[in-house]
Amino acid sequence: MNKIYVFSGMGVDERVFDNIDFGTLDVEFIDWIEPLENESLEKEGKLFANNFFPDYG
């Protein structure tokens, strides 16, 4: 089974996808992490990645 990771965007949650048929895909919805003040995009990306790839960088 193919797995996809779905980001709903800022200000909305996974309900925005309620009417989309993902078929047999294994869908994992990713919640936004509130960025820290002055946090770089690279640092924020690593925090996201660590949520679903614990061994990442």
N, C-alpha and C. Protein backbone atom coordinates (compact mmCIF):
# COMPACT_ATOMS: atom_id res chain seq x y z
N MET A 1 0.85 -1.18 0.00
CA MET A 1 0.00 0.00 0.00
C MET A 1 0.89 1.24 0.00
N ASN A 2 0.55 2.21 -0.78
CA ASN A 2 1.29 3.46 -0.86
C ASN A 2 0.87 4.42 0.23
N LYS A 3 1.84 5.03 0.86
CA LYS A 3 1.56 5.99 1.92
C LYS A 3 1.83 7.39 1.42
N ILE A 4 0.92 8.32 1.76
CA ILE A 4 1.15 9.72 1.45
C ILE A 4 0.97 10.53 2.72
N TYR A 5 1.69 11.64 2.79
CA TYR A 5 1.60 12.56 3.91
C TYR A 5 0.94 13.83 3.40
N VAL A 6 -0.10 14.27 4.09
CA VAL A 6 -0.91 15.39 3.62
C VAL A 6 -0.86 16.54 4.63
N PHE A 7 -0.48 17.71 4.13
CA PHE A 7 -0.47 18.93 4.92
C PHE A 7 -1.68 19.75 4.50
N SER A 8 -2.52 20.10 5.44
CA SER A 8 -3.74 20.83 5.09
C SER A 8 -3.51 22.32 4.88
N GLY A 9 -2.52 22.87 5.48
CA GLY A 9 -2.26 24.29 5.33
C GLY A 9 -2.55 25.03 6.62
N MET A 10 -2.06 26.23 6.68
CA MET A 10 -2.25 27.02 7.90
C MET A 10 -3.69 27.51 7.97
N GLY A 11 -4.29 27.39 9.12
CA GLY A 11 -5.65 27.89 9.33
C GLY A 11 -6.74 26.88 9.06
N VAL A 12 -6.39 25.71 8.57
CA VAL A 12 -7.37 24.66 8.32
C VAL A 12 -6.81 23.34 8.83
N ASP A 13 -7.69 22.36 9.00
CA ASP A 13 -7.22 21.05 9.43
C ASP A 13 -7.59 20.01 8.36
N GLU A 14 -7.46 18.75 8.72
CA GLU A 14 -7.67 17.68 7.75
C GLU A 14 -9.09 17.60 7.20
N ARG A 15 -10.04 18.28 7.83
CA ARG A 15 -11.42 18.26 7.32
C ARG A 15 -11.53 18.85 5.92
N VAL A 16 -10.55 19.66 5.53
CA VAL A 16 -10.57 20.24 4.19
C VAL A 16 -10.53 19.14 3.12
N PHE A 17 -10.08 17.95 3.48
CA PHE A 17 -9.97 16.83 2.55
C PHE A 17 -11.13 15.84 2.66
N ASP A 18 -12.17 16.17 3.42
CA ASP A 18 -13.28 15.24 3.65
C ASP A 18 -13.92 14.72 2.37
N ASN A 19 -13.95 15.51 1.32
CA ASN A 19 -14.62 15.09 0.09
C ASN A 19 -13.68 14.53 -0.96
N ILE A 20 -12.46 14.25 -0.58
CA ILE A 20 -11.50 13.66 -1.51
C ILE A 20 -11.40 12.17 -1.24
N ASP A 21 -11.53 11.39 -2.30
CA ASP A 21 -11.40 9.93 -2.20
C ASP A 21 -9.94 9.57 -2.45
N PHE A 22 -9.26 9.13 -1.42
CA PHE A 22 -7.86 8.75 -1.56
C PHE A 22 -7.72 7.28 -1.96
N GLY A 23 -8.83 6.64 -2.20
CA GLY A 23 -8.81 5.25 -2.65
C GLY A 23 -8.11 4.35 -1.65
N THR A 24 -7.15 3.59 -2.13
CA THR A 24 -6.45 2.63 -1.27
C THR A 24 -5.19 3.20 -0.65
N LEU A 25 -4.94 4.48 -0.85
CA LEU A 25 -3.75 5.10 -0.28
C LEU A 25 -3.83 5.12 1.24
N ASP A 26 -2.71 4.92 1.87
CA ASP A 26 -2.58 5.04 3.32
C ASP A 26 -2.24 6.51 3.60
N VAL A 27 -3.23 7.27 4.03
CA VAL A 27 -3.07 8.72 4.19
C VAL A 27 -2.76 9.06 5.64
N GLU A 28 -1.72 9.86 5.83
CA GLU A 28 -1.40 10.37 7.16
C GLU A 28 -1.44 11.89 7.10
N PHE A 29 -2.33 12.47 7.89
CA PHE A 29 -2.47 13.92 7.94
C PHE A 29 -1.46 14.47 8.93
N ILE A 30 -0.75 15.49 8.50
CA ILE A 30 0.30 16.09 9.32
C ILE A 30 -0.20 17.43 9.86
N ASP A 31 -0.16 17.57 11.17
CA ASP A 31 -0.55 18.83 11.81
C ASP A 31 0.60 19.82 11.74
N TRP A 32 0.24 21.09 11.63
CA TRP A 32 1.24 22.14 11.62
C TRP A 32 1.88 22.27 12.99
N ILE A 33 3.14 22.55 13.00
CA ILE A 33 3.88 22.84 14.23
C ILE A 33 4.03 24.35 14.30
N GLU A 34 3.67 24.92 15.40
CA GLU A 34 3.82 26.37 15.58
C GLU A 34 5.31 26.71 15.57
N PRO A 35 5.75 27.54 14.63
CA PRO A 35 7.18 27.86 14.58
C PRO A 35 7.60 28.73 15.76
N LEU A 36 8.84 28.54 16.17
CA LEU A 36 9.40 29.39 17.21
C LEU A 36 9.81 30.72 16.60
N GLU A 37 9.87 31.73 17.42
CA GLU A 37 10.28 33.04 16.92
C GLU A 37 11.69 32.95 16.34
N ASN A 38 11.86 33.50 15.16
CA ASN A 38 13.15 33.52 14.45
C ASN A 38 13.66 32.14 14.07
N GLU A 39 12.77 31.15 14.00
CA GLU A 39 13.18 29.81 13.60
C GLU A 39 13.36 29.75 12.08
N SER A 40 14.42 29.14 11.63
CA SER A 40 14.68 29.06 10.20
C SER A 40 13.74 28.03 9.56
N LEU A 41 13.54 28.18 8.26
CA LEU A 41 12.73 27.22 7.52
C LEU A 41 13.37 25.84 7.57
N GLU A 42 14.69 25.78 7.52
CA GLU A 42 15.40 24.51 7.61
C GLU A 42 15.11 23.81 8.94
N LYS A 43 15.17 24.54 10.03
CA LYS A 43 14.90 23.97 11.36
C LYS A 43 13.46 23.49 11.46
N GLU A 44 12.53 24.29 10.95
CA GLU A 44 11.12 23.91 10.99
C GLU A 44 10.89 22.65 10.15
N GLY A 45 11.53 22.58 9.00
CA GLY A 45 11.42 21.39 8.14
C GLY A 45 11.91 20.14 8.84
N LYS A 46 13.00 20.27 9.57
CA LYS A 46 13.54 19.11 10.31
C LYS A 46 12.57 18.67 11.41
N LEU A 47 11.92 19.62 12.07
CA LEU A 47 10.94 19.26 13.10
C LEU A 47 9.78 18.49 12.49
N PHE A 48 9.28 18.94 11.33
CA PHE A 48 8.22 18.22 10.62
C PHE A 48 8.69 16.82 10.27
N ALA A 49 9.86 16.73 9.68
CA ALA A 49 10.38 15.44 9.23
C ALA A 49 10.54 14.47 10.40
N ASN A 50 10.98 14.96 11.54
CA ASN A 50 11.17 14.09 12.70
C ASN A 50 9.87 13.53 13.23
N ASN A 51 8.74 14.17 12.91
CA ASN A 51 7.45 13.65 13.36
C ASN A 51 7.08 12.34 12.69
N PHE A 52 7.49 12.15 11.44
CA PHE A 52 7.11 10.91 10.77
C PHE A 52 8.29 10.13 10.23
N PHE A 53 9.51 10.64 10.38
CA PHE A 53 10.74 9.91 10.11
C PHE A 53 11.67 10.14 11.30
N PRO A 54 11.47 9.42 12.40
CA PRO A 54 12.21 9.70 13.64
C PRO A 54 13.74 9.65 13.49
N ASP A 55 14.25 8.92 12.52
CA ASP A 55 15.70 8.81 12.35
C ASP A 55 16.27 9.89 11.44
N TYR A 56 15.40 10.82 11.00
CA TYR A 56 15.85 11.86 10.09
C TYR A 56 16.79 12.83 10.79
N GLY A 57 17.87 13.21 10.10
CA GLY A 57 18.85 14.21 10.49
C GLY A 57 18.76 14.70 11.85
